[in-house]
PDB file of N, CA and C in Angstrom:
ATOM      1  N   MET A   1      72.925 -74.399 181.215  1.00  0.00           N
ATOM      2  CA  MET A   1      71.874 -72.726 180.780  1.00  0.00           C
ATOM      3  C   MET A   1      70.588 -74.088 180.011  1.00  0.00           C
ATOM      4  N   ASP A   2      69.465 -73.545 180.590  1.00  0.00           N
ATOM      5  CA  ASP A   2      68.712 -74.212 180.189  1.00  0.00           C
ATOM      6  C   ASP A   2      67.790 -73.115 179.067  1.00  0.00           C
ATOM      7  N   TYR A   3      66.995 -73.933 177.916  1.00  0.00           N
ATOM      8  CA  TYR A   3      66.637 -72.982 176.937  1.00  0.00           C
ATOM      9  C   TYR A   3      65.707 -71.438 177.087  1.00  0.00           C
ATOM     10  N   ALA A   4      65.134 -71.572 178.124  1.00  0.00           N
ATOM     11  CA  ALA A   4      64.268 -70.312 178.347  1.00  0.00           C
ATOM     12  C   ALA A   4      65.730 -69.244 178.915  1.00  0.00           C
ATOM     13  N   THR A   5      66.601 -69.255 179.819  1.00  0.00           N
ATOM     14  CA  THR A   5      67.079 -68.872 179.745  1.00  0.00           C
ATOM     15  C   THR A   5      68.078 -68.216 178.924  1.00  0.00           C
ATOM     16  N   HIS A   6      68.211 -69.303 177.918  1.00  0.00           N
ATOM     17  CA  HIS A   6      69.286 -68.718 176.898  1.00  0.00           C
ATOM     18  C   HIS A   6      68.211 -67.889 175.822  1.00  0.00           C
ATOM     19  N   ASP A   7      67.303 -68.502 176.011  1.00  0.00           N
ATOM     20  CA  ASP A   7      66.193 -67.391 174.991  1.00  0.00           C
ATOM     21  C   ASP A   7      66.046 -65.919 175.634  1.00  0.00           C
ATOM     22  N   MET A   8      65.978 -66.015 177.055  1.00  0.00           N
ATOM     23  CA  MET A   8      65.950 -64.932 177.921  1.00  0.00           C
ATOM     24  C   MET A   8      67.263 -63.495 177.409  1.00  0.00           C
ATOM     25  N   ILE A   9      68.432 -64.323 177.434  1.00  0.00           N
ATOM     26  CA  ILE A   9      69.526 -63.657 177.421  1.00  0.00           C
ATOM     27  C   ILE A   9      69.862 -63.310 175.693  1.00  0.00           C
ATOM     28  N   VAL A  10      69.404 -64.143 174.898  1.00  0.00           N
ATOM     29  CA  VAL A  10      69.516 -63.506 173.192  1.00  0.00           C
ATOM     30  C   VAL A  10      68.304 -62.355 173.219  1.00  0.00           C
ATOM     31  N   ALA A  11      67.276 -62.264 173.808  1.00  0.00           N
ATOM     32  CA  ALA A  11      66.098 -61.531 173.738  1.00  0.00           C
ATOM     33  C   ALA A  11      66.671 -60.013 174.433  1.00  0.00           C
ATOM     34  N   LEU A  12      66.959 -60.172 175.784  1.00  0.00           N
ATOM     35  CA  LEU A  12      68.189 -58.795 176.286  1.00  0.00           C
ATOM     36  C   LEU A  12      69.249 -58.334 175.184  1.00  0.00           C
ATOM     37  N   LYS A  13      69.661 -59.388 174.484  1.00  0.00           N
ATOM     38  CA  LYS A  13      71.042 -58.696 173.699  1.00  0.00           C
ATOM     39  C   LYS A  13      70.389 -57.701 172.572  1.00  0.00           C
ATOM     40  N   LYS A  14      69.034 -58.199 171.963  1.00  0.00           N
ATOM     41  CA  LYS A  14      68.729 -58.169 170.985  1.00  0.00           C
ATOM     42  C   LYS A  14      68.145 -56.355 171.643  1.00  0.00           C
ATOM     43  N   ILE A  15      67.074 -56.585 172.713  1.00  0.00           N
ATOM     44  CA  ILE A  15      66.625 -55.472 172.973  1.00  0.00           C
ATOM     45  C   ILE A  15      67.750 -54.069 173.431  1.00  0.00           C
ATOM     46  N   GLN A  16      68.948 -54.895 173.909  1.00  0.00           N
ATOM     47  CA  GLN A  16      70.074 -53.752 173.737  1.00  0.00           C
ATOM     48  C   GLN A  16      70.603 -53.237 172.588  1.00  0.00           C
ATOM     49  N   GLY A  17      70.661 -53.948 171.565  1.00  0.00           N
ATOM     50  CA  GLY A  17      71.165 -53.840 170.249  1.00  0.00           C
ATOM     51  C   GLY A  17      70.067 -52.603 170.116  1.00  0.00           C
ATOM     52  N   ASP A  18      68.738 -53.136 169.770  1.00  0.00           N
ATOM     53  CA  ASP A  18      67.789 -51.935 169.507  1.00  0.00           C
ATOM     54  C   ASP A  18      68.001 -50.882 170.179  1.00  0.00           C
ATOM     55  N   ASN A  19      68.143 -50.716 171.532  1.00  0.00           N
ATOM     56  CA  ASN A  19      68.475 -49.605 172.406  1.00  0.00           C
ATOM     57  C   ASN A  19      69.556 -48.470 171.266  1.00  0.00           C
ATOM     58  N   GLU A  20      70.701 -49.129 171.539  1.00  0.00           N
ATOM     59  CA  GLU A  20      71.708 -48.756 171.188  1.00  0.00           C
ATOM     60  C   GLU A  20      71.640 -47.893 169.338  1.00  0.00           C
ATOM     61  N   ALA A  21      70.920 -48.932 168.434  1.00  0.00           N
ATOM     62  CA  ALA A  21      70.378 -47.900 167.280  1.00  0.00           C
ATOM     63  C   ALA A  21      69.228 -47.034 167.492  1.00  0.00           C
ATOM     64  N   ILE A  22      68.617 -47.246 168.325  1.00  0.00           N
ATOM     65  CA  ILE A  22      67.757 -46.169 168.442  1.00  0.00           C
ATOM     66  C   ILE A  22      68.174 -44.741 169.007  1.00  0.00           C
ATOM     67  N   ALA A  23      69.389 -44.885 170.221  1.00  0.00           N
ATOM     68  CA  ALA A  23      69.909 -43.867 170.836  1.00  0.00           C
ATOM     69  C   ALA A  23      70.666 -42.980 169.340  1.00  0.00           C
ATOM     70  N   SER A  24      71.379 -43.849 168.321  1.00  0.00           N
ATOM     71  CA  SER A  24      72.438 -43.328 167.738  1.00  0.00           C
ATOM     72  C   SER A  24      71.629 -42.358 166.666  1.00  0.00           C
ATOM     73  N   ILE A  25      70.192 -43.188 166.070  1.00  0.00           N
ATOM     74  CA  ILE A  25      68.987 -42.451 165.558  1.00  0.00           C
ATOM     75  C   ILE A  25      69.016 -40.906 166.235  1.00  0.00           C
ATOM     76  N   ILE A  26      68.497 -41.122 167.657  1.00  0.00           N
ATOM     77  CA  ILE A  26      67.854 -39.908 168.206  1.00  0.00           C
ATOM     78  C   ILE A  26      69.173 -38.959 167.786  1.00  0.00           C
ATOM     79  N   SER A  27      70.773 -39.304 168.100  1.00  0.00           N
ATOM     80  CA  SER A  27      71.649 -38.436 168.108  1.00  0.00           C
ATOM     81  C   SER A  27      71.978 -37.980 166.654  1.00  0.00           C
ATOM     82  N   ASP A  28      71.362 -38.285 165.393  1.00  0.00           N
ATOM     83  CA  ASP A  28      71.524 -37.692 164.426  1.00  0.00           C
ATOM     84  C   ASP A  28      70.500 -37.168 163.928  1.00  0.00           C
ATOM     85  N   LEU A  29      69.184 -37.163 164.534  1.00  0.00           N
ATOM     86  CA  LEU A  29      68.136 -35.967 164.114  1.00  0.00           C
ATOM     87  C   LEU A  29      68.104 -34.956 165.262  1.00  0.00           C
ATOM     88  N   GLU A  30      68.839 -35.050 166.419  1.00  0.00           N
ATOM     89  CA  GLU A  30      68.975 -34.018 167.044  1.00  0.00           C
ATOM     90  C   GLU A  30      70.126 -32.968 166.522  1.00  0.00           C
ATOM     91  N   SER A  31      71.189 -33.692 165.796  1.00  0.00           N
ATOM     92  CA  SER A  31      72.183 -32.715 164.810  1.00  0.00           C
ATOM     93  C   SER A  31      71.595 -32.472 163.618  1.00  0.00           C
ATOM     94  N   ALA A  32      70.644 -33.092 163.045  1.00  0.00           N
ATOM     95  CA  ALA A  32      70.096 -32.561 161.887  1.00  0.00           C
ATOM     96  C   ALA A  32      69.147 -31.139 162.604  1.00  0.00           C
ATOM     97  N   ASN A  33      68.647 -31.643 163.182  1.00  0.00           N
ATOM     98  CA  ASN A  33      67.840 -30.452 164.361  1.00  0.00           C
ATOM     99  C   ASN A  33      68.539 -28.853 164.197  1.00  0.00           C
ATOM    100  N   ALA A  34      69.539 -29.273 164.768  1.00  0.00           N
ATOM    101  CA  ALA A  34      70.353 -28.026 165.141  1.00  0.00           C
ATOM    102  C   ALA A  34      70.869 -27.566 163.778  1.00  0.00           C
ATOM    103  N   GLN A  35      71.316 -28.415 162.519  1.00  0.00           N
ATOM    104  CA  GLN A  35      71.871 -27.231 161.537  1.00  0.00           C
ATOM    105  C   GLN A  35      70.496 -27.114 160.934  1.00  0.00           C
ATOM    106  N   ILE A  36      69.266 -27.754 160.865  1.00  0.00           N
ATOM    107  CA  ILE A  36      68.056 -26.724 160.653  1.00  0.00           C
ATOM    108  C   ILE A  36      67.678 -25.381 161.315  1.00  0.00           C
ATOM    109  N   ASN A  37      67.807 -25.423 162.639  1.00  0.00           N
ATOM    110  CA  ASN A  37      67.651 -24.426 163.240  1.00  0.00           C
ATOM    111  C   ASN A  37      68.735 -23.099 162.859  1.00  0.00           C
ATOM    112  N   ALA A  38      69.981 -23.563 162.500  1.00  0.00           N
ATOM    113  CA  ALA A  38      71.172 -22.866 162.343  1.00  0.00           C
ATOM    114  C   ALA A  38      70.744 -22.193 160.642  1.00  0.00           C
ATOM    115  N   THR A  39      70.210 -22.846 160.060  1.00  0.00           N
ATOM    116  CA  THR A  39      69.843 -22.294 158.584  1.00  0.00           C
ATOM    117  C   THR A  39      68.686 -21.241 158.694  1.00  0.00           C
ATOM    118  N   HIS A  40      67.791 -21.420 159.662  1.00  0.00           N
ATOM    119  CA  HIS A  40      66.800 -20.955 159.809  1.00  0.00           C
ATOM    120  C   HIS A  40      67.164 -19.491 160.690  1.00  0.00           C
ATOM    121  N   SER A  41      68.027 -19.441 161.067  1.00  0.00           N
ATOM    122  CA  SER A  41      67.984 -18.366 161.663  1.00  0.00           C
ATOM    123  C   SER A  41      68.951 -17.316 160.860  1.00  0.00           C
ATOM    124  N   LYS A  42      70.099 -18.056 159.991  1.00  0.00           N
ATOM    125  CA  LYS A  42      70.179 -17.279 158.694  1.00  0.00           C
ATOM    126  C   LYS A  42      69.552 -16.858 157.991  1.00  0.00           C
ATOM    127  N   MET A  43      68.345 -17.683 157.814  1.00  0.00           N
ATOM    128  CA  MET A  43      67.374 -17.043 156.830  1.00  0.00           C
ATOM    129  C   MET A  43      66.614 -16.127 157.050  1.00  0.00           C
ATOM    130  N   ALA A  44      66.181 -15.873 158.261  1.00  0.00           N
ATOM    131  CA  ALA A  44      65.395 -15.036 159.004  1.00  0.00           C
ATOM    132  C   ALA A  44      66.381 -13.519 159.047  1.00  0.00           C
ATOM    133  N   LEU A  45      67.726 -13.813 159.105  1.00  0.00           N
ATOM    134  CA  LEU A  45      68.380 -12.511 158.699  1.00  0.00           C
ATOM    135  C   LEU A  45      68.594 -12.271 157.554  1.00  0.00           C
ATOM    136  N   ALA A  46      68.356 -12.921 156.464  1.00  0.00           N
ATOM    137  CA  ALA A  46      68.826 -12.509 155.033  1.00  0.00           C
ATOM    138  C   ALA A  46      68.534 -11.391 154.540  1.00  0.00           C
ATOM    139  N   PRO A  47      67.215 -11.337 154.817  1.00  0.00           N
ATOM    140  CA  PRO A  47      66.379 -10.026 154.114  1.00  0.00           C
ATOM    141  C   PRO A  47      66.921  -8.658 154.755  1.00  0.00           C
ATOM    142  N   PHE A  48      67.606  -8.705 156.046  1.00  0.00           N
ATOM    143  CA  PHE A  48      68.022  -7.391 156.641  1.00  0.00           C
ATOM    144  C   PHE A  48      69.549  -7.322 155.866  1.00  0.00           C
ATOM    145  N   ARG A  49      70.312  -8.243 155.655  1.00  0.00           N
ATOM    146  CA  ARG A  49      71.629  -8.260 155.004  1.00  0.00           C
ATOM    147  C   ARG A  49      71.125  -7.906 153.582  1.00  0.00           C
ATOM    148  N   ILE A  50      70.127  -8.513 153.168  1.00  0.00           N
ATOM    149  CA  ILE A  50      70.139  -7.938 151.536  1.00  0.00           C
ATOM    150  C   ILE A  50      69.687  -6.221 151.403  1.00  0.00           C
ATOM    151  N   LYS A  51      68.898  -5.726 152.513  1.00  0.00           N
ATOM    152  CA  LYS A  51      68.629  -4.555 152.488  1.00  0.00           C
ATOM    153  C   LYS A  51      69.803  -3.683 152.635  1.00  0.00           C
ATOM    154  N   ASN A  52      70.514  -4.247 153.595  1.00  0.00           N
ATOM    155  CA  ASN A  52      71.514  -3.454 154.266  1.00  0.00           C
ATOM    156  C   ASN A  52      72.584  -3.477 152.788  1.00  0.00           C
ATOM    157  N   ASN A  53      72.818  -4.244 152.261  1.00  0.00           N
ATOM    158  CA  ASN A  53      73.581  -4.456 150.754  1.00  0.00           C
ATOM    159  C   ASN A  53      73.121  -3.840 149.736  1.00  0.00           C
ATOM    160  N   ASN A  54      71.869  -3.586 149.534  1.00  0.00           N
ATOM    161  CA  ASN A  54      71.446  -3.214 148.273  1.00  0.00           C
ATOM    162  C   ASN A  54      71.598  -1.548 148.869  1.00  0.00           C
ATOM    163  N   HIS A  55      71.156  -0.939 150.243  1.00  0.00           N
ATOM    164  CA  HIS A  55      71.547   0.549 150.672  1.00  0.00           C
ATOM    165  C   HIS A  55      72.769   1.274 150.435  1.00  0.00           C
ATOM    166  N   VAL A  56      73.748  -0.127 150.680  1.00  0.00           N
ATOM    167  CA  VAL A  56      75.242   0.223 150.614  1.00  0.00           C
ATOM    168  C   VAL A  56      75.544   0.803 149.078  1.00  0.00           C
ATOM    169  N   LYS A  57      74.853  -0.402 148.295  1.00  0.00           N
ATOM    170  CA  LYS A  57      75.045   0.063 146.962  1.00  0.00           C
ATOM    171  C   LYS A  57      74.379   0.954 146.236  1.00  0.00           C
ATOM    172  N   GLN A  58      73.558   1.288 146.741  1.00  0.00           N
ATOM    173  CA  GLN A  58      72.790   2.385 146.547  1.00  0.00           C
ATOM    174  C   GLN A  58      73.433   3.799 146.515  1.00  0.00           C
ATOM    175  N   SER A  59      73.877   3.903 147.828  1.00  0.00           N
ATOM    176  CA  SER A  59      75.159   5.156 148.216  1.00  0.00           C
ATOM    177  C   SER A  59      75.848   5.233 147.573  1.00  0.00           C
ATOM    178  N   ALA A  60      77.020   4.140 146.851  1.00  0.00           N
ATOM    179  CA  ALA A  60      77.947   4.333 146.999  1.00  0.00           C
ATOM    180  C   ALA A  60      77.966   4.728 145.241  1.00  0.00           C
TER     181      ALA A  60
END
């Protein structure tokens, strides 16, 4: 194997490794985003829950 072919293989393996690392980061970001969206959904409903709880407490 000549040096150019060897260097090309090394470069391609590095790119493959970089792509796998990027895919892992994307997966982590998607997971974090899903958790953020779930938290925002809960936060959006929180005022209604508090209002309902206060109403129940006042009625009792």
